[in-house]
C-alpha atoms as a PDB file:
ATOM      1  CA  MET A   1     -22.613 -13.406  -2.246  1.00  0.00           C
ATOM      2  CA  LYS A   2     -22.152 -13.047   1.616  1.00  0.00           C
ATOM      3  CA  ASN A   3     -19.190 -15.633   1.327  1.00  0.00           C
ATOM      4  CA  HIS A   4     -17.415 -13.424  -1.511  1.00  0.00           C
ATOM      5  CA  LEU A   5     -17.877 -10.286   0.720  1.00  0.00           C
ATOM      6  CA  ALA A   6     -16.490 -12.217   3.550  1.00  0.00           C
ATOM      7  CA  LEU A   7     -13.440 -13.263   1.598  1.00  0.00           C
ATOM      8  CA  GLY A   8     -12.993  -9.695   0.573  1.00  0.00           C
ATOM      9  CA  HIS A   9     -12.502  -8.378   4.210  1.00  0.00           C
ATOM     10  CA  VAL A  10     -10.536 -11.441   5.328  1.00  0.00           C
ATOM     11  CA  LEU A  11      -7.905 -10.571   2.279  1.00  0.00           C
ATOM     12  CA  ALA A  12      -7.779  -6.931   2.900  1.00  0.00           C
ATOM     13  CA  LEU A  13      -7.087  -7.692   6.659  1.00  0.00           C
ATOM     14  CA  ALA A  14      -4.617 -10.369   5.734  1.00  0.00           C
ATOM     15  CA  VAL A  15      -2.784  -7.969   3.709  1.00  0.00           C
ATOM     16  CA  SER A  16      -2.864  -5.111   5.989  1.00  0.00           C
ATOM     17  CA  VAL A  17      -1.238  -7.479   8.703  1.00  0.00           C
ATOM     18  CA  VAL A  18       1.698  -8.364   6.214  1.00  0.00           C
ATOM     19  CA  TRP A  19       2.216  -4.614   5.258  1.00  0.00           C
ATOM     20  CA  GLY A  20       2.037  -3.408   8.911  1.00  0.00           C
ATOM     21  CA  THR A  21       5.137  -5.726   9.754  1.00  0.00           C
ATOM     22  CA  THR A  22       7.253  -5.042   6.409  1.00  0.00           C
ATOM     23  CA  TYR A  23       8.848  -2.062   8.268  1.00  0.00           C
ATOM     24  CA  ILE A  24      11.042  -4.578  10.025  1.00  0.00           C
ATOM     25  CA  SER A  25      12.252  -6.198   6.854  1.00  0.00           C
ATOM     26  CA  THR A  26      12.867  -3.069   5.339  1.00  0.00           C
ATOM     27  CA  LYS A  27      14.838  -1.707   8.302  1.00  0.00           C
ATOM     28  CA  VAL A  28      17.181  -4.555   7.997  1.00  0.00           C
ATOM     29  CA  LEU A  29      17.693  -3.858   4.181  1.00  0.00           C
ATOM     30  CA  LEU A  30      18.301  -0.334   4.314  1.00  0.00           C
ATOM     31  CA  THR A  31      21.529  -1.231   6.160  1.00  0.00           C
ATOM     32  CA  ALA A  32      23.115  -2.921   3.043  1.00  0.00           C
ATOM     33  CA  PHE A  33      20.594  -1.478   0.234  1.00  0.00           C
ATOM     34  CA  HIS A  34      19.778   2.069  -1.293  1.00  0.00           C
ATOM     35  CA  PRO A  35      15.726   2.386  -1.056  1.00  0.00           C
ATOM     36  CA  VAL A  36      15.473   2.133  -5.153  1.00  0.00           C
ATOM     37  CA  GLU A  37      17.458  -1.152  -4.877  1.00  0.00           C
ATOM     38  CA  ILE A  38      15.058  -2.804  -2.360  1.00  0.00           C
ATOM     39  CA  LEU A  39      11.933  -1.446  -4.794  1.00  0.00           C
ATOM     40  CA  ILE A  40      13.933  -2.657  -7.607  1.00  0.00           C
ATOM     41  CA  PHE A  41      14.377  -6.300  -6.187  1.00  0.00           C
ATOM     42  CA  ARG A  42      11.067  -6.472  -4.809  1.00  0.00           C
ATOM     43  CA  PHE A  43       9.117  -5.684  -8.084  1.00  0.00           C
ATOM     44  CA  LEU A  44      11.514  -7.912 -10.026  1.00  0.00           C
ATOM     45  CA  LEU A  45      10.971 -10.933  -7.531  1.00  0.00           C
ATOM     46  CA  ALA A  46       7.178 -10.215  -7.371  1.00  0.00           C
ATOM     47  CA  TRP A  47       7.019 -10.139 -11.375  1.00  0.00           C
ATOM     48  CA  ALA A  48       8.717 -13.445 -11.590  1.00  0.00           C
ATOM     49  CA  MET A  49       6.726 -15.149  -9.190  1.00  0.00           C
ATOM     50  CA  LEU A  50       3.543 -14.349 -10.741  1.00  0.00           C
ATOM     51  CA  PHE A  51       5.187 -15.069 -14.139  1.00  0.00           C
ATOM     52  CA  LEU A  52       5.869 -18.457 -13.074  1.00  0.00           C
ATOM     53  CA  CYS A  53       2.531 -19.042 -12.013  1.00  0.00           C
ATOM     54  CA  SER A  54       1.031 -18.085 -15.321  1.00  0.00           C
ATOM     55  CA  PRO A  55       3.643 -18.254 -17.799  1.00  0.00           C
ATOM     56  CA  LYS A  56       1.225 -17.514 -20.517  1.00  0.00           C
ATOM     57  CA  PRO A  57       2.475 -14.460 -22.677  1.00  0.00           C
ATOM     58  CA  LEU A  58       0.279 -11.592 -22.104  1.00  0.00           C
ATOM     59  CA  LEU A  59       1.050  -9.231 -25.045  1.00  0.00           C
ATOM     60  CA  PRO A  60      -0.628  -5.906 -25.154  1.00  0.00           C
ATOM     61  CA  LYS A  61      -3.378  -5.830 -27.748  1.00  0.00           C
ATOM     62  CA  SER A  62      -3.561  -2.097 -27.957  1.00  0.00           C
ATOM     63  CA  LEU A  63      -2.594   1.123 -26.069  1.00  0.00           C
ATOM     64  CA  LYS A  64      -5.823   1.460 -25.010  1.00  0.00           C
ATOM     65  CA  GLY A  65      -6.376  -1.831 -23.457  1.00  0.00           C
ATOM     66  CA  GLU A  66      -2.936  -1.734 -21.775  1.00  0.00           C
ATOM     67  CA  LEU A  67      -3.597   1.708 -20.342  1.00  0.00           C
ATOM     68  CA  PRO A  68      -5.228   0.621 -17.230  1.00  0.00           C
ATOM     69  CA  PHE A  69      -2.179  -1.627 -16.139  1.00  0.00           C
ATOM     70  CA  LEU A  70       0.276   0.849 -17.202  1.00  0.00           C
ATOM     71  CA  CYS A  71      -1.633   3.605 -14.816  1.00  0.00           C
ATOM     72  CA  CYS A  72      -1.689   0.984 -12.043  1.00  0.00           C
ATOM     73  CA  GLY A  73       1.911   0.262 -12.444  1.00  0.00           C
ATOM     74  CA  LEU A  74       2.843   4.075 -12.487  1.00  0.00           C
ATOM     75  CA  THR A  75       0.569   5.053  -9.461  1.00  0.00           C
ATOM     76  CA  GLY A  76       0.337   2.265  -7.253  1.00  0.00           C
ATOM     77  CA  LEU A  77       4.169   0.896  -7.447  1.00  0.00           C
ATOM     78  CA  THR A  78       6.713   3.535  -8.934  1.00  0.00           C
ATOM     79  CA  PHE A  79       5.361   6.747  -7.991  1.00  0.00           C
ATOM     80  CA  TYR A  80       3.672   6.017  -4.914  1.00  0.00           C
ATOM     81  CA  SER A  81       6.802   4.258  -3.551  1.00  0.00           C
ATOM     82  CA  ILE A  82       9.389   6.974  -4.854  1.00  0.00           C
ATOM     83  CA  LEU A  83       7.579   9.608  -3.419  1.00  0.00           C
ATOM     84  CA  GLU A  84       7.348   7.902   0.085  1.00  0.00           C
ATOM     85  CA  ASN A  85      11.023   7.483   0.009  1.00  0.00           C
ATOM     86  CA  TYR A  86      11.867  10.973  -0.846  1.00  0.00           C
ATOM     87  CA  ALA A  87       9.390  12.283   1.395  1.00  0.00           C
ATOM     88  CA  LEU A  88      11.280  10.635   4.342  1.00  0.00           C
ATOM     89  CA  GLN A  89      14.214  12.475   3.487  1.00  0.00           C
ATOM     90  CA  PHE A  90      12.323  15.726   4.104  1.00  0.00           C
ATOM     91  CA  SER A  91      10.193  15.136   7.281  1.00  0.00           C
ATOM     92  CA  LEU A  92       9.791  12.723  10.197  1.00  0.00           C
ATOM     93  CA  ALA A  93       8.134   9.285   9.362  1.00  0.00           C
ATOM     94  CA  SER A  94       5.505   9.907  11.831  1.00  0.00           C
ATOM     95  CA  THR A  95       4.284  13.012   9.743  1.00  0.00           C
ATOM     96  CA  VAL A  96       4.674  10.857   6.489  1.00  0.00           C
ATOM     97  CA  GLY A  97       3.018   7.903   7.856  1.00  0.00           C
ATOM     98  CA  LEU A  98      -0.042  10.248   9.013  1.00  0.00           C
ATOM     99  CA  ILE A  99      -0.440  11.961   5.866  1.00  0.00           C
ATOM    100  CA  ILE A 100       0.011   8.867   3.433  1.00  0.00           C
ATOM    101  CA  ALA A 101      -2.784   6.860   6.082  1.00  0.00           C
ATOM    102  CA  ALA A 102      -5.333   9.555   4.379  1.00  0.00           C
ATOM    103  CA  ALA A 103      -5.231   7.321   1.171  1.00  0.00           C
ATOM    104  CA  PRO A 104      -8.545   5.691   1.752  1.00  0.00           C
ATOM    105  CA  MET A 105     -10.088   9.015   1.518  1.00  0.00           C
ATOM    106  CA  PHE A 106      -8.520  10.125  -1.807  1.00  0.00           C
ATOM    107  CA  THR A 107      -9.379   6.604  -2.886  1.00  0.00           C
ATOM    108  CA  ALA A 108     -13.116   7.417  -2.257  1.00  0.00           C
ATOM    109  CA  LEU A 109     -13.050  11.041  -3.576  1.00  0.00           C
ATOM    110  CA  LEU A 110     -11.154   9.960  -6.803  1.00  0.00           C
ATOM    111  CA  LEU A 111     -13.707   7.073  -7.678  1.00  0.00           C
ATOM    112  CA  TRP A 112     -16.676   9.355  -7.009  1.00  0.00           C
ATOM    113  CA  LEU A 113     -15.247  12.175  -9.138  1.00  0.00           C
ATOM    114  CA  CYS A 114     -14.615   9.595 -11.761  1.00  0.00           C
ATOM    115  CA  ARG A 115     -18.345   8.428 -11.265  1.00  0.00           C
ATOM    116  CA  ARG A 116     -17.122   4.952 -10.341  1.00  0.00           C
ATOM    117  CA  SER A 117     -18.615   4.973  -7.160  1.00  0.00           C
ATOM    118  CA  LYS A 118     -21.280   6.704  -4.963  1.00  0.00           C
ATOM    119  CA  ARG A 119     -20.344   9.763  -2.800  1.00  0.00           C
ATOM    120  CA  PRO A 120     -19.045   8.536   0.524  1.00  0.00           C
ATOM    121  CA  GLY A 121     -21.541   9.288   3.405  1.00  0.00           C
ATOM    122  CA  GLY A 122     -20.991  11.054   6.593  1.00  0.00           C
ATOM    123  CA  ALA A 123     -19.934   7.733   8.342  1.00  0.00           C
ATOM    124  CA  PHE A 124     -16.911   7.631   6.287  1.00  0.00           C
ATOM    125  CA  PHE A 125     -15.631  10.743   7.081  1.00  0.00           C
ATOM    126  CA  ILE A 126     -16.393  10.469  10.540  1.00  0.00           C
ATOM    127  CA  GLY A 127     -14.217   7.267  10.477  1.00  0.00           C
ATOM    128  CA  PHE A 128     -11.632   8.874   8.688  1.00  0.00           C
ATOM    129  CA  CYS A 129     -10.885  11.505  11.320  1.00  0.00           C
ATOM    130  CA  LEU A 130     -11.149   8.992  14.473  1.00  0.00           C
ATOM    131  CA  ALA A 131      -8.549   6.889  12.604  1.00  0.00           C
ATOM    132  CA  MET A 132      -6.291   9.877  12.030  1.00  0.00           C
ATOM    133  CA  ALA A 133      -6.582  10.856  15.446  1.00  0.00           C
ATOM    134  CA  GLY A 134      -5.987   7.288  16.444  1.00  0.00           C
ATOM    135  CA  ILE A 135      -2.809   7.071  14.195  1.00  0.00           C
ATOM    136  CA  ALA A 136      -1.536  10.640  15.581  1.00  0.00           C
ATOM    137  CA  LEU A 137      -1.960   9.297  19.173  1.00  0.00           C
ATOM    138  CA  ILE A 138       0.393   6.225  18.014  1.00  0.00           C
ATOM    139  CA  SER A 139       3.021   8.331  16.953  1.00  0.00           C
ATOM    140  CA  LEU A 140       2.881  10.524  20.136  1.00  0.00           C
ATOM    141  CA  ALA A 141       2.808   7.364  22.424  1.00  0.00           C
ATOM    142  CA  GLU A 142       5.902   6.341  20.764  1.00  0.00           C
ATOM    143  CA  GLY A 143       7.627   9.403  21.706  1.00  0.00           C
ATOM    144  CA  GLU A 144       7.686  10.921  18.145  1.00  0.00           C
ATOM    145  CA  SER A 145       6.746  14.396  17.097  1.00  0.00           C
ATOM    146  CA  PHE A 146       5.537  16.073  13.814  1.00  0.00           C
ATOM    147  CA  ASP A 147       6.879  18.751  11.566  1.00  0.00           C
ATOM    148  CA  CYS A 148       5.856  21.220   9.050  1.00  0.00           C
ATOM    149  CA  ASN A 149       8.395  20.606   5.946  1.00  0.00           C
ATOM    150  CA  PRO A 150       6.408  22.014   3.294  1.00  0.00           C
ATOM    151  CA  ILE A 151       8.649  19.731   0.766  1.00  0.00           C
ATOM    152  CA  GLY A 152       7.842  16.484   2.699  1.00  0.00           C
ATOM    153  CA  ILE A 153       4.121  17.117   3.282  1.00  0.00           C
ATOM    154  CA  LEU A 154       3.479  17.794  -0.449  1.00  0.00           C
ATOM    155  CA  LEU A 155       5.547  14.661  -1.350  1.00  0.00           C
ATOM    156  CA  SER A 156       3.441  12.520   1.172  1.00  0.00           C
ATOM    157  CA  LEU A 157       0.293  14.204  -0.041  1.00  0.00           C
ATOM    158  CA  ALA A 158       1.313  13.116  -3.587  1.00  0.00           C
ATOM    159  CA  ALA A 159       2.093   9.604  -2.489  1.00  0.00           C
ATOM    160  CA  ALA A 160      -1.498   9.409  -0.793  1.00  0.00           C
ATOM    161  CA  VAL A 161      -3.016  10.955  -3.996  1.00  0.00           C
ATOM    162  CA  CYS A 162      -1.177   8.307  -5.950  1.00  0.00           C
ATOM    163  CA  TRP A 163      -2.458   5.256  -4.000  1.00  0.00           C
ATOM    164  CA  GLY A 164      -5.739   6.590  -4.314  1.00  0.00           C
ATOM    165  CA  GLY A 165      -5.372   6.957  -8.157  1.00  0.00           C
ATOM    166  CA  TYR A 166      -4.038   3.216  -7.757  1.00  0.00           C
ATOM    167  CA  GLY A 167      -7.646   2.429  -6.547  1.00  0.00           C
ATOM    168  CA  VAL A 168      -9.227   4.057  -9.632  1.00  0.00           C
ATOM    169  CA  CYS A 169      -6.786   2.383 -12.178  1.00  0.00           C
ATOM    170  CA  LEU A 170      -7.458  -0.991 -10.506  1.00  0.00           C
ATOM    171  CA  GLU A 171     -11.162  -0.513 -10.733  1.00  0.00           C
ATOM    172  CA  TRP A 172     -10.588   0.306 -14.511  1.00  0.00           C
ATOM    173  CA  ALA A 173      -8.464  -2.769 -14.977  1.00  0.00           C
ATOM    174  CA  HIS A 174     -10.940  -4.972 -13.625  1.00  0.00           C
ATOM    175  CA  VAL A 175     -13.758  -3.658 -15.648  1.00  0.00           C
ATOM    176  CA  SER A 176     -11.893  -3.650 -19.066  1.00  0.00           C
ATOM    177  CA  ALA A 177      -9.386  -6.303 -18.802  1.00  0.00           C
ATOM    178  CA  GLY A 178     -11.036  -9.944 -19.308  1.00  0.00           C
ATOM    179  CA  LEU A 179      -8.089 -11.083 -17.182  1.00  0.00           C
ATOM    180  CA  ASN A 180      -7.706 -12.991 -14.160  1.00  0.00           C
ATOM    181  CA  ASP A 181      -6.387 -11.443 -10.795  1.00  0.00           C
ATOM    182  CA  LEU A 182      -3.259 -13.165 -11.248  1.00  0.00           C
ATOM    183  CA  GLN A 183      -2.848 -12.021 -14.836  1.00  0.00           C
ATOM    184  CA  ILE A 184      -3.678  -8.422 -13.791  1.00  0.00           C
ATOM    185  CA  THR A 185      -1.281  -8.178 -11.060  1.00  0.00           C
ATOM    186  CA  ARG A 186       1.334  -9.531 -13.216  1.00  0.00           C
ATOM    187  CA  LYS A 187       0.928  -6.856 -15.937  1.00  0.00           C
ATOM    188  CA  ILE A 188       0.951  -4.050 -12.970  1.00  0.00           C
ATOM    189  CA  PHE A 189       4.253  -5.182 -11.457  1.00  0.00           C
ATOM    190  CA  PHE A 190       5.846  -5.500 -15.283  1.00  0.00           C
ATOM    191  CA  TRP A 191       4.663  -1.839 -15.733  1.00  0.00           C
ATOM    192  CA  GLY A 192       5.964  -1.006 -11.977  1.00  0.00           C
ATOM    193  CA  LEU A 193       9.232  -2.481 -12.641  1.00  0.00           C
ATOM    194  CA  LEU A 194       9.573  -0.959 -16.136  1.00  0.00           C
ATOM    195  CA  PHE A 195       8.989   2.727 -14.914  1.00  0.00           C
ATOM    196  CA  THR A 196      11.205   2.232 -11.712  1.00  0.00           C
ATOM    197  CA  LEU A 197      14.231   0.975 -13.545  1.00  0.00           C
ATOM    198  CA  PRO A 198      15.458   4.601 -14.628  1.00  0.00           C
ATOM    199  CA  PHE A 199      15.939   5.403 -10.960  1.00  0.00           C
ATOM    200  CA  ILE A 200      18.772   3.088 -11.167  1.00  0.00           C
ATOM    201  CA  TRP A 201      20.628   5.502 -13.286  1.00  0.00           C
ATOM    202  CA  ILE A 202      19.392   8.643 -11.701  1.00  0.00           C
ATOM    203  CA  ASN A 203      21.186   7.301  -8.291  1.00  0.00           C
ATOM    204  CA  GLY A 204      24.139   5.946  -9.841  1.00  0.00           C
ATOM    205  CA  LEU A 205      23.245   2.356  -8.462  1.00  0.00           C
ATOM    206  CA  SER A 206      24.960  -0.863  -9.610  1.00  0.00           C
ATOM    207  CA  LEU A 207      22.710  -3.582  -8.095  1.00  0.00           C
ATOM    208  CA  ASP A 208      25.540  -5.658  -6.523  1.00  0.00           C
ATOM    209  CA  LEU A 209      24.150  -9.072  -6.137  1.00  0.00           C
ATOM    210  CA  SER A 210      26.911 -10.274  -3.985  1.00  0.00           C
ATOM    211  CA  ARG A 211      25.297  -8.683  -0.829  1.00  0.00           C
ATOM    212  CA  PHE A 212      22.519 -11.758  -1.161  1.00  0.00           C
ATOM    213  CA  ALA A 213      25.464 -13.987   0.194  1.00  0.00           C
ATOM    214  CA  SER A 214      23.998 -12.836   3.273  1.00  0.00           C
ATOM    215  CA  PRO A 215      20.940 -14.994   4.629  1.00  0.00           C
ATOM    216  CA  VAL A 216      19.366 -12.044   6.663  1.00  0.00           C
ATOM    217  CA  LEU A 217      19.214 -10.119   3.618  1.00  0.00           C
ATOM    218  CA  LEU A 218      18.198 -12.848   1.094  1.00  0.00           C
ATOM    219  CA  GLY A 219      15.549 -13.648   3.478  1.00  0.00           C
ATOM    220  CA  ASN A 220      13.957 -10.330   4.025  1.00  0.00           C
ATOM    221  CA  THR A 221      14.260  -9.523   0.243  1.00  0.00           C
ATOM    222  CA  LEU A 222      12.345 -12.748  -0.291  1.00  0.00           C
ATOM    223  CA  TYR A 223       9.840 -11.792   2.252  1.00  0.00           C
ATOM    224  CA  LEU A 224       9.326  -8.387   0.754  1.00  0.00           C
ATOM    225  CA  GLY A 225       9.364  -9.303  -2.775  1.00  0.00           C
ATOM    226  CA  ILE A 226       7.513 -12.709  -2.782  1.00  0.00           C
ATOM    227  CA  GLY A 227       5.196 -12.243   0.467  1.00  0.00           C
ATOM    228  CA  ALA A 228       4.776  -8.546   0.719  1.00  0.00           C
ATOM    229  CA  SER A 229       4.441  -7.891  -2.930  1.00  0.00           C
ATOM    230  CA  ALA A 230       3.526 -10.969  -5.159  1.00  0.00           C
ATOM    231  CA  LEU A 231       1.033 -12.484  -2.910  1.00  0.00           C
ATOM    232  CA  CYS A 232      -0.133  -9.549  -1.061  1.00  0.00           C
ATOM    233  CA  PHE A 233      -0.809  -7.297  -4.017  1.00  0.00           C
ATOM    234  CA  LEU A 234      -2.483 -10.287  -5.616  1.00  0.00           C
ATOM    235  CA  ALA A 235      -5.043 -10.829  -2.565  1.00  0.00           C
ATOM    236  CA  TRP A 236      -5.353  -7.062  -2.319  1.00  0.00           C
ATOM    237  CA  ASN A 237      -6.306  -6.812  -6.009  1.00  0.00           C
ATOM    238  CA  ARG A 238      -8.779  -9.618  -5.435  1.00  0.00           C
ATOM    239  CA  ALA A 239     -10.382  -8.113  -2.379  1.00  0.00           C
ATOM    240  CA  SER A 240     -10.797  -4.861  -4.518  1.00  0.00           C
ATOM    241  CA  ALA A 241     -12.517  -6.798  -7.118  1.00  0.00           C
ATOM    242  CA  LEU A 242     -14.867  -8.360  -4.505  1.00  0.00           C
ATOM    243  CA  ILE A 243     -15.351  -5.415  -1.997  1.00  0.00           C
ATOM    244  CA  GLY A 244     -14.384  -2.453  -3.915  1.00  0.00           C
ATOM    245  CA  SER A 245     -11.462  -0.203  -3.807  1.00  0.00           C
ATOM    246  CA  ILE A 246     -13.031   2.026  -1.004  1.00  0.00           C
ATOM    247  CA  ALA A 247     -13.755  -0.712   1.544  1.00  0.00           C
ATOM    248  CA  THR A 248     -10.541  -2.395   0.872  1.00  0.00           C
ATOM    249  CA  ASN A 249      -8.604   0.598   1.331  1.00  0.00           C
ATOM    250  CA  VAL A 250      -9.984   1.328   4.863  1.00  0.00           C
ATOM    251  CA  TYR A 251      -8.107  -1.464   5.960  1.00  0.00           C
ATOM    252  CA  LEU A 252      -4.934   0.571   5.724  1.00  0.00           C
ATOM    253  CA  TYR A 253      -5.966   2.007   8.895  1.00  0.00           C
ATOM    254  CA  LEU A 254      -5.232  -0.971  10.887  1.00  0.00           C
ATOM    255  CA  MET A 255      -1.199  -0.958   9.588  1.00  0.00           C
ATOM    256  CA  PRO A 256      -0.072   1.137  12.551  1.00  0.00           C
ATOM    257  CA  VAL A 257      -2.127  -1.252  14.963  1.00  0.00           C
ATOM    258  CA  ILE A 258      -0.369  -3.855  13.519  1.00  0.00           C
ATOM    259  CA  THR A 259       3.105  -2.286  13.884  1.00  0.00           C
ATOM    260  CA  VAL A 260       2.349  -2.017  17.468  1.00  0.00           C
ATOM    261  CA  VAL A 261       1.388  -5.367  18.066  1.00  0.00           C
ATOM    262  CA  ALA A 262       4.598  -6.482  15.979  1.00  0.00           C
ATOM    263  CA  SER A 263       6.680  -4.372  18.135  1.00  0.00           C
ATOM    264  CA  VAL A 264       5.179  -5.749  21.169  1.00  0.00           C
ATOM    265  CA  LEU A 265       5.496  -9.242  20.208  1.00  0.00           C
ATOM    266  CA  ILE A 266       8.797  -9.144  18.449  1.00  0.00           C
ATOM    267  CA  LEU A 267      10.765  -6.366  19.797  1.00  0.00           C
ATOM    268  CA  GLN A 268       9.190  -6.744  23.538  1.00  0.00           C
ATOM    269  CA  GLU A 269       8.136  -2.878  23.523  1.00  0.00           C
ATOM    270  CA  PRO A 270       5.721  -1.531  26.321  1.00  0.00           C
ATOM    271  CA  VAL A 271       2.172  -0.854  25.720  1.00  0.00           C
ATOM    272  CA  THR A 272       0.908   2.521  27.214  1.00  0.00           C
ATOM    273  CA  ALA A 273      -2.468   3.596  27.760  1.00  0.00           C
ATOM    274  CA  LEU A 274      -1.969   6.187  24.887  1.00  0.00           C
ATOM    275  CA  THR A 275      -1.516   3.277  22.434  1.00  0.00           C
ATOM    276  CA  LEU A 276      -4.662   1.351  23.699  1.00  0.00           C
ATOM    277  CA  ALA A 277      -6.759   4.735  23.289  1.00  0.00           C
ATOM    278  CA  ALA A 278      -5.305   5.205  19.819  1.00  0.00           C
ATOM    279  CA  ILE A 279      -5.781   1.318  18.993  1.00  0.00           C
ATOM    280  CA  VAL A 280      -9.516   1.818  20.080  1.00  0.00           C
ATOM    281  CA  LEU A 281     -10.027   5.280  17.831  1.00  0.00           C
ATOM    282  CA  ILE A 282      -8.522   3.481  14.773  1.00  0.00           C
ATOM    283  CA  LEU A 283     -10.719   0.444  15.280  1.00  0.00           C
ATOM    284  CA  SER A 284     -13.763   2.554  15.815  1.00  0.00           C
ATOM    285  CA  GLY A 285     -12.826   4.750  12.607  1.00  0.00           C
ATOM    286  CA  LEU A 286     -12.368   1.491  10.449  1.00  0.00           C
ATOM    287  CA  ILE A 287     -15.906   0.103  11.600  1.00  0.00           C
ATOM    288  CA  LEU A 288     -17.687   3.800  11.150  1.00  0.00           C
ATOM    289  CA  SER A 289     -15.996   3.835   7.652  1.00  0.00           C
ATOM    290  CA  GLN A 290     -17.344   0.361   6.761  1.00  0.00           C
ATOM    291  CA  TRP A 291     -20.825   1.256   7.868  1.00  0.00           C
ATOM    292  CA  LYS A 292     -23.240   0.730   4.956  1.00  0.00           C
ATOM    293  CA  LYS A 293     -26.011   3.346   4.728  1.00  0.00           C
ATOM    294  CA  ARG A 294     -27.912   5.003   1.838  1.00  0.00           C
ATOM    295  CA  ALA A 295     -25.645   7.115   0.098  1.00  0.00           C
ATOM    296  CA  HIS A 296     -25.956  10.356  -2.380  1.00  0.00           C
ATOM    297  CA  VAL A 297     -24.898  10.303  -5.874  1.00  0.00           C
END
């Protein structure tokens, strides 16, 4: 049992490390691709790889049986990604990042409201506040600011709630599916891709494949589609099955820390005292949020 718990925490940590570095690849791709195109290629590559790993047909047995996967794809892939992209058009990245970092809190609250977990204890919320303060400090240390654009804030909140909803739907899928983690993840990406395809028409995109003649664009797309999407979602879903969605989502607090570390190692950016203080706050928040004590129902 302890080995399973340890594996869950290791997987969640590993995924947070990868997701914390994806901003570099995304920035590179945004020079040649529309944000929706990046999502389409990511989801398509992820589904294709998962299909090759498990080519057994997974036909829906009933609408009720398929509903958990449909909801996972809609909330965690399509809605979350689209809302985040549109939020960035109205608000600063620092504001969007801070609000979306609240996703673990929404996951915990939604799971409790759906009677799928106990009510989070006081340590969870104290840890949440510490982590949010640390994430805000990181943005300030990088010379960024925050804005109060109501549209951007609402879109960011909706994205955070969608990711919280993904945690609930994933718990539902694990309970009702009778499938392994690879098959569950494959089904989720199928629905996520299906629901994202209409945005090609909405944005008037052509999905020109000639751009992949560039090794840089191809390499970054493969990294996002196979590494950050297929493998990471598979690991994330496995971690959620082992330690629960609440404990897994708390590792999202680490993403700003990973981003700072990547900036130092890859871009040679300096580390300030404010940044170090922010990292201490975030790590303290993560530890407190994972603190186990008797919870109230």
